[in-house]
Amino acid sequence: MSRFLKNRSFAVKVLKDEDINGGAPDNDPNRNPFEGVEIAAAYAEVAKEFVTHAALTISGVWAACKIVERICR
């Protein structure tokens, strides 16, 4: 797994509000102050589902290989 992930990486850059809004600070009173937190929570939920699915898939394949190994003895 580490060999697979060795050459596959990504960079995350945190942007300031000035960069997002074209240099002007956001003074909109209707803006949700927790918007960034809600987006991060959604990404965390997706990551959790991905990790869970990967773990179940890997363990299922491992179990199937062990069953086949016992049958072929």
PDB file of N, CA and C in Angstrom:
ATOM      1  N   MET A   1       0.825  -1.193   0.000  1.00  0.00           N
ATOM      2  CA  MET A   1       0.000   0.000   0.000  1.00  0.00           C
ATOM      3  C   MET A   1       0.870   1.257   0.000  1.00  0.00           C
ATOM      4  N   SER A   2       1.955   1.246   0.791  1.00  0.00           N
ATOM      5  CA  SER A   2       2.810   2.425   0.832  1.00  0.00           C
ATOM      6  C   SER A   2       3.481   2.645  -0.519  1.00  0.00           C
ATOM      7  N   ARG A   3       3.789   1.556  -1.249  1.00  0.00           N
ATOM      8  CA  ARG A   3       4.376   1.701  -2.579  1.00  0.00           C
ATOM      9  C   ARG A   3       3.367   2.360  -3.525  1.00  0.00           C
ATOM     10  N   PHE A   4       2.105   2.012  -3.373  1.00  0.00           N
ATOM     11  CA  PHE A   4       1.069   2.611  -4.207  1.00  0.00           C
ATOM     12  C   PHE A   4       0.926   4.106  -3.927  1.00  0.00           C
ATOM     13  N   LEU A   5       0.959   4.487  -2.653  1.00  0.00           N
ATOM     14  CA  LEU A   5       0.755   5.882  -2.278  1.00  0.00           C
ATOM     15  C   LEU A   5       2.025   6.722  -2.377  1.00  0.00           C
ATOM     16  N   LYS A   6       3.157   6.102  -2.648  1.00  0.00           N
ATOM     17  CA  LYS A   6       4.437   6.796  -2.635  1.00  0.00           C
ATOM     18  C   LYS A   6       4.464   7.978  -3.601  1.00  0.00           C
ATOM     19  N   ASN A   7       4.033   7.767  -4.830  1.00  0.00           N
ATOM     20  CA  ASN A   7       4.109   8.816  -5.846  1.00  0.00           C
ATOM     21  C   ASN A   7       2.781   9.534  -6.065  1.00  0.00           C
ATOM     22  N   ARG A   8       1.806   9.274  -5.224  1.00  0.00           N
ATOM     23  CA  ARG A   8       0.505   9.920  -5.372  1.00  0.00           C
ATOM     24  C   ARG A   8       0.237  10.782  -4.148  1.00  0.00           C
ATOM     25  N   SER A   9       0.367  12.072  -4.336  1.00  0.00           N
ATOM     26  CA  SER A   9       0.141  12.978  -3.219  1.00  0.00           C
ATOM     27  C   SER A   9      -0.632  14.189  -3.727  1.00  0.00           C
ATOM     28  N   PHE A  10      -1.135  14.962  -2.801  1.00  0.00           N
ATOM     29  CA  PHE A  10      -1.851  16.167  -3.162  1.00  0.00           C
ATOM     30  C   PHE A  10      -1.527  17.246  -2.142  1.00  0.00           C
ATOM     31  N   ALA A  11      -1.650  18.470  -2.563  1.00  0.00           N
ATOM     32  CA  ALA A  11      -1.350  19.606  -1.695  1.00  0.00           C
ATOM     33  C   ALA A  11      -2.651  20.324  -1.350  1.00  0.00           C
ATOM     34  N   VAL A  12      -2.737  20.801  -0.138  1.00  0.00           N
ATOM     35  CA  VAL A  12      -3.897  21.557   0.317  1.00  0.00           C
ATOM     36  C   VAL A  12      -3.424  22.945   0.676  1.00  0.00           C
ATOM     37  N   LYS A  13      -4.069  23.946   0.124  1.00  0.00           N
ATOM     38  CA  LYS A  13      -3.709  25.327   0.396  1.00  0.00           C
ATOM     39  C   LYS A  13      -4.898  26.027   1.037  1.00  0.00           C
ATOM     40  N   VAL A  14      -4.679  26.626   2.179  1.00  0.00           N
ATOM     41  CA  VAL A  14      -5.730  27.362   2.873  1.00  0.00           C
ATOM     42  C   VAL A  14      -5.763  28.775   2.318  1.00  0.00           C
ATOM     43  N   LEU A  15      -6.935  29.181   1.845  1.00  0.00           N
ATOM     44  CA  LEU A  15      -7.089  30.510   1.270  1.00  0.00           C
ATOM     45  C   LEU A  15      -7.667  31.473   2.292  1.00  0.00           C
ATOM     46  N   LYS A  16      -7.255  32.691   2.206  1.00  0.00           N
ATOM     47  CA  LYS A  16      -7.816  33.742   3.061  1.00  0.00           C
ATOM     48  C   LYS A  16      -9.093  34.264   2.408  1.00  0.00           C
ATOM     49  N   ASP A  17      -9.957  34.892   3.196  1.00  0.00           N
ATOM     50  CA  ASP A  17     -11.195  35.453   2.651  1.00  0.00           C
ATOM     51  C   ASP A  17     -10.911  36.490   1.572  1.00  0.00           C
ATOM     52  N   GLU A  18      -9.813  37.220   1.708  1.00  0.00           N
ATOM     53  CA  GLU A  18      -9.476  38.243   0.719  1.00  0.00           C
ATOM     54  C   GLU A  18      -9.173  37.600  -0.628  1.00  0.00           C
ATOM     55  N   ASP A  19      -8.539  36.421  -0.629  1.00  0.00           N
ATOM     56  CA  ASP A  19      -8.216  35.740  -1.874  1.00  0.00           C
ATOM     57  C   ASP A  19      -9.479  35.218  -2.551  1.00  0.00           C
ATOM     58  N   ILE A  20     -10.417  34.716  -1.774  1.00  0.00           N
ATOM     59  CA  ILE A  20     -11.636  34.142  -2.331  1.00  0.00           C
ATOM     60  C   ILE A  20     -12.533  35.223  -2.932  1.00  0.00           C
ATOM     61  N   ASN A  21     -12.634  36.353  -2.271  1.00  0.00           N
ATOM     62  CA  ASN A  21     -13.560  37.406  -2.686  1.00  0.00           C
ATOM     63  C   ASN A  21     -12.913  38.469  -3.552  1.00  0.00           C
ATOM     64  N   GLY A  22     -11.801  38.176  -4.158  1.00  0.00           N
ATOM     65  CA  GLY A  22     -11.171  39.137  -5.049  1.00  0.00           C
ATOM     66  C   GLY A  22     -10.517  40.285  -4.314  1.00  0.00           C
ATOM     67  N   GLY A  23     -10.034  40.094  -3.136  1.00  0.00           N
ATOM     68  CA  GLY A  23      -9.314  41.127  -2.409  1.00  0.00           C
ATOM     69  C   GLY A  23     -10.169  41.923  -1.438  1.00  0.00           C
ATOM     70  N   ALA A  24     -11.475  41.791  -1.520  1.00  0.00           N
ATOM     71  CA  ALA A  24     -12.348  42.555  -0.627  1.00  0.00           C
ATOM     72  C   ALA A  24     -12.855  41.649   0.492  1.00  0.00           C
ATOM     73  N   PRO A  25     -12.836  42.130   1.734  1.00  0.00           N
ATOM     74  CA  PRO A  25     -13.375  41.305   2.822  1.00  0.00           C
ATOM     75  C   PRO A  25     -14.874  41.132   2.673  1.00  0.00           C
ATOM     76  N   ASP A  26     -15.381  40.036   3.160  1.00  0.00           N
ATOM     77  CA  ASP A  26     -16.806  39.725   3.035  1.00  0.00           C
ATOM     78  C   ASP A  26     -17.559  40.368   4.201  1.00  0.00           C
ATOM     79  N   ASN A  27     -18.396  41.352   3.895  1.00  0.00           N
ATOM     80  CA  ASN A  27     -19.181  42.038   4.930  1.00  0.00           C
ATOM     81  C   ASN A  27     -20.659  41.717   4.815  1.00  0.00           C
ATOM     82  N   ASP A  28     -20.997  40.617   4.175  1.00  0.00           N
ATOM     83  CA  ASP A  28     -22.388  40.241   3.984  1.00  0.00           C
ATOM     84  C   ASP A  28     -22.973  39.758   5.318  1.00  0.00           C
ATOM     85  N   PRO A  29     -24.012  40.422   5.839  1.00  0.00           N
ATOM     86  CA  PRO A  29     -24.585  40.004   7.121  1.00  0.00           C
ATOM     87  C   PRO A  29     -25.341  38.674   7.034  1.00  0.00           C
ATOM     88  N   ASN A  30     -25.737  38.260   5.831  1.00  0.00           N
ATOM     89  CA  ASN A  30     -26.477  37.006   5.661  1.00  0.00           C
ATOM     90  C   ASN A  30     -25.555  35.803   5.466  1.00  0.00           C
ATOM     91  N   ARG A  31     -24.274  36.025   5.486  1.00  0.00           N
ATOM     92  CA  ARG A  31     -23.306  34.941   5.267  1.00  0.00           C
ATOM     93  C   ARG A  31     -23.279  34.023   6.479  1.00  0.00           C
ATOM     94  N   ASN A  32     -23.264  32.724   6.228  1.00  0.00           N
ATOM     95  CA  ASN A  32     -23.214  31.729   7.298  1.00  0.00           C
ATOM     96  C   ASN A  32     -21.772  31.632   7.818  1.00  0.00           C
ATOM     97  N   PRO A  33     -21.522  31.981   9.074  1.00  0.00           N
ATOM     98  CA  PRO A  33     -20.145  31.929   9.585  1.00  0.00           C
ATOM     99  C   PRO A  33     -19.624  30.504   9.743  1.00  0.00           C
ATOM    100  N   PHE A  34     -20.508  29.513   9.739  1.00  0.00           N
ATOM    101  CA  PHE A  34     -20.096  28.119   9.897  1.00  0.00           C
ATOM    102  C   PHE A  34     -20.045  27.377   8.566  1.00  0.00           C
ATOM    103  N   GLU A  35     -20.080  28.106   7.469  1.00  0.00           N
ATOM    104  CA  GLU A  35     -20.086  27.483   6.151  1.00  0.00           C
ATOM    105  C   GLU A  35     -18.840  26.619   5.941  1.00  0.00           C
ATOM    106  N   GLY A  36     -17.687  27.115   6.290  1.00  0.00           N
ATOM    107  CA  GLY A  36     -16.453  26.353   6.135  1.00  0.00           C
ATOM    108  C   GLY A  36     -16.437  25.103   6.987  1.00  0.00           C
ATOM    109  N   VAL A  37     -16.969  25.204   8.203  1.00  0.00           N
ATOM    110  CA  VAL A  37     -17.022  24.054   9.104  1.00  0.00           C
ATOM    111  C   VAL A  37     -17.969  22.996   8.553  1.00  0.00           C
ATOM    112  N   GLU A  38     -19.083  23.414   8.003  1.00  0.00           N
ATOM    113  CA  GLU A  38     -20.045  22.471   7.431  1.00  0.00           C
ATOM    114  C   GLU A  38     -19.467  21.770   6.207  1.00  0.00           C
ATOM    115  N   ILE A  39     -18.725  22.486   5.402  1.00  0.00           N
ATOM    116  CA  ILE A  39     -18.085  21.880   4.232  1.00  0.00           C
ATOM    117  C   ILE A  39     -17.032  20.874   4.675  1.00  0.00           C
ATOM    118  N   ALA A  40     -16.245  21.240   5.688  1.00  0.00           N
ATOM    119  CA  ALA A  40     -15.224  20.321   6.201  1.00  0.00           C
ATOM    120  C   ALA A  40     -15.873  19.065   6.791  1.00  0.00           C
ATOM    121  N   ALA A  41     -17.001  19.224   7.459  1.00  0.00           N
ATOM    122  CA  ALA A  41     -17.705  18.069   8.019  1.00  0.00           C
ATOM    123  C   ALA A  41     -18.225  17.159   6.905  1.00  0.00           C
ATOM    124  N   ALA A  42     -18.682  17.745   5.815  1.00  0.00           N
ATOM    125  CA  ALA A  42     -19.148  16.937   4.683  1.00  0.00           C
ATOM    126  C   ALA A  42     -17.996  16.154   4.073  1.00  0.00           C
ATOM    127  N   TYR A  43     -16.844  16.789   3.919  1.00  0.00           N
ATOM    128  CA  TYR A  43     -15.672  16.080   3.399  1.00  0.00           C
ATOM    129  C   TYR A  43     -15.232  14.979   4.359  1.00  0.00           C
ATOM    130  N   ALA A  44     -15.302  15.233   5.644  1.00  0.00           N
ATOM    131  CA  ALA A  44     -14.929  14.212   6.627  1.00  0.00           C
ATOM    132  C   ALA A  44     -15.872  13.018   6.548  1.00  0.00           C
ATOM    133  N   GLU A  45     -17.140  13.278   6.331  1.00  0.00           N
ATOM    134  CA  GLU A  45     -18.121  12.190   6.191  1.00  0.00           C
ATOM    135  C   GLU A  45     -17.816  11.344   4.953  1.00  0.00           C
ATOM    136  N   VAL A  46     -17.473  12.002   3.853  1.00  0.00           N
ATOM    137  CA  VAL A  46     -17.120  11.274   2.636  1.00  0.00           C
ATOM    138  C   VAL A  46     -15.865  10.447   2.861  1.00  0.00           C
ATOM    139  N   ALA A  47     -14.868  11.018   3.538  1.00  0.00           N
ATOM    140  CA  ALA A  47     -13.628  10.290   3.815  1.00  0.00           C
ATOM    141  C   ALA A  47     -13.896   9.087   4.713  1.00  0.00           C
ATOM    142  N   LYS A  48     -14.768   9.253   5.701  1.00  0.00           N
ATOM    143  CA  LYS A  48     -15.111   8.141   6.593  1.00  0.00           C
ATOM    144  C   LYS A  48     -15.776   7.010   5.817  1.00  0.00           C
ATOM    145  N   GLU A  49     -16.698   7.350   4.939  1.00  0.00           N
ATOM    146  CA  GLU A  49     -17.374   6.338   4.119  1.00  0.00           C
ATOM    147  C   GLU A  49     -16.374   5.636   3.211  1.00  0.00           C
ATOM    148  N   PHE A  50     -15.439   6.377   2.638  1.00  0.00           N
ATOM    149  CA  PHE A  50     -14.437   5.786   1.759  1.00  0.00           C
ATOM    150  C   PHE A  50     -13.546   4.807   2.520  1.00  0.00           C
ATOM    151  N   VAL A  51     -13.084   5.214   3.684  1.00  0.00           N
ATOM    152  CA  VAL A  51     -12.212   4.344   4.483  1.00  0.00           C
ATOM    153  C   VAL A  51     -12.974   3.096   4.928  1.00  0.00           C
ATOM    154  N   THR A  52     -14.213   3.259   5.341  1.00  0.00           N
ATOM    155  CA  THR A  52     -15.014   2.110   5.751  1.00  0.00           C
ATOM    156  C   THR A  52     -15.221   1.143   4.587  1.00  0.00           C
ATOM    157  N   HIS A  53     -15.556   1.673   3.417  1.00  0.00           N
ATOM    158  CA  HIS A  53     -15.762   0.830   2.248  1.00  0.00           C
ATOM    159  C   HIS A  53     -14.468   0.102   1.875  1.00  0.00           C
ATOM    160  N   ALA A  54     -13.350   0.805   1.907  1.00  0.00           N
ATOM    161  CA  ALA A  54     -12.065   0.183   1.576  1.00  0.00           C
ATOM    162  C   ALA A  54     -11.724  -0.923   2.571  1.00  0.00           C
ATOM    163  N   ALA A  55     -11.941  -0.671   3.848  1.00  0.00           N
ATOM    164  CA  ALA A  55     -11.625  -1.677   4.866  1.00  0.00           C
ATOM    165  C   ALA A  55     -12.491  -2.924   4.695  1.00  0.00           C
ATOM    166  N   LEU A  56     -13.764  -2.734   4.430  1.00  0.00           N
ATOM    167  CA  LEU A  56     -14.648  -3.890   4.228  1.00  0.00           C
ATOM    168  C   LEU A  56     -14.290  -4.660   2.964  1.00  0.00           C
ATOM    169  N   THR A  57     -13.930  -3.949   1.915  1.00  0.00           N
ATOM    170  CA  THR A  57     -13.548  -4.601   0.669  1.00  0.00           C
ATOM    171  C   THR A  57     -12.270  -5.407   0.851  1.00  0.00           C
ATOM    172  N   ILE A  58     -11.273  -4.801   1.474  1.00  0.00           N
ATOM    173  CA  ILE A  58      -9.993  -5.485   1.684  1.00  0.00           C
ATOM    174  C   ILE A  58     -10.170  -6.700   2.581  1.00  0.00           C
ATOM    175  N   SER A  59     -10.937  -6.557   3.649  1.00  0.00           N
ATOM    176  CA  SER A  59     -11.133  -7.701   4.545  1.00  0.00           C
ATOM    177  C   SER A  59     -11.951  -8.802   3.869  1.00  0.00           C
ATOM    178  N   GLY A  60     -12.885  -8.430   3.020  1.00  0.00           N
ATOM    179  CA  GLY A  60     -13.663  -9.427   2.281  1.00  0.00           C
ATOM    180  C   GLY A  60     -12.804 -10.202   1.300  1.00  0.00           C
ATOM    181  N   VAL A  61     -11.928  -9.507   0.600  1.00  0.00           N
ATOM    182  CA  VAL A  61     -11.022 -10.176  -0.336  1.00  0.00           C
ATOM    183  C   VAL A  61     -10.061 -11.071   0.424  1.00  0.00           C
ATOM    184  N   TRP A  62      -9.557 -10.604   1.553  1.00  0.00           N
ATOM    185  CA  TRP A  62      -8.637 -11.409   2.362  1.00  0.00           C
ATOM    186  C   TRP A  62      -9.333 -12.691   2.840  1.00  0.00           C
ATOM    187  N   ALA A  63     -10.569 -12.560   3.318  1.00  0.00           N
ATOM    188  CA  ALA A  63     -11.309 -13.731   3.787  1.00  0.00           C
ATOM    189  C   ALA A  63     -11.562 -14.711   2.643  1.00  0.00           C
ATOM    190  N   ALA A  64     -11.897 -14.195   1.472  1.00  0.00           N
ATOM    191  CA  ALA A  64     -12.120 -15.068   0.317  1.00  0.00           C
ATOM    192  C   ALA A  64     -10.839 -15.797  -0.069  1.00  0.00           C
ATOM    193  N   CYS A  65      -9.713 -15.116  -0.008  1.00  0.00           N
ATOM    194  CA  CYS A  65      -8.432 -15.764  -0.317  1.00  0.00           C
ATOM    195  C   CYS A  65      -8.118 -16.861   0.692  1.00  0.00           C
ATOM    196  N   LYS A  66      -8.400 -16.628   1.957  1.00  0.00           N
ATOM    197  CA  LYS A  66      -8.158 -17.651   2.975  1.00  0.00           C
ATOM    198  C   LYS A  66      -9.063 -18.868   2.769  1.00  0.00           C
ATOM    199  N   ILE A  67     -10.303 -18.648   2.370  1.00  0.00           N
ATOM    200  CA  ILE A  67     -11.226 -19.759   2.112  1.00  0.00           C
ATOM    201  C   ILE A  67     -10.731 -20.580   0.927  1.00  0.00           C
ATOM    202  N   VAL A  68     -10.340 -19.894  -0.142  1.00  0.00           N
ATOM    203  CA  VAL A  68      -9.822 -20.596  -1.313  1.00  0.00           C
ATOM    204  C   VAL A  68      -8.542 -21.336  -0.977  1.00  0.00           C
ATOM    205  N   GLU A  69      -7.700 -20.741  -0.151  1.00  0.00           N
ATOM    206  CA  GLU A  69      -6.464 -21.388   0.264  1.00  0.00           C
ATOM    207  C   GLU A  69      -6.745 -22.683   1.015  1.00  0.00           C
ATOM    208  N   ARG A  70      -7.731 -22.686   1.886  1.00  0.00           N
ATOM    209  CA  ARG A  70      -8.087 -23.908   2.631  1.00  0.00           C
ATOM    210  C   ARG A  70      -8.721 -24.952   1.722  1.00  0.00           C
ATOM    211  N   ILE A  71      -9.497 -24.539   0.758  1.00  0.00           N
ATOM    212  CA  ILE A  71     -10.121 -25.479  -0.172  1.00  0.00           C
ATOM    213  C   ILE A  71      -9.064 -26.155  -1.039  1.00  0.00           C
ATOM    214  N   CYS A  72      -8.069 -25.383  -1.449  1.00  0.00           N
ATOM    215  CA  CYS A  72      -7.058 -25.915  -2.378  1.00  0.00           C
ATOM    216  C   CYS A  72      -5.973 -26.748  -1.695  1.00  0.00           C
ATOM    217  N   ARG A  73      -5.985 -26.911  -0.424  1.00  0.00           N
ATOM    218  CA  ARG A  73      -4.959 -27.700   0.260  1.00  0.00           C
ATOM    219  C   ARG A  73      -5.093 -29.140  -0.015  1.00  0.00           C
TER     220      ARG A  73
END
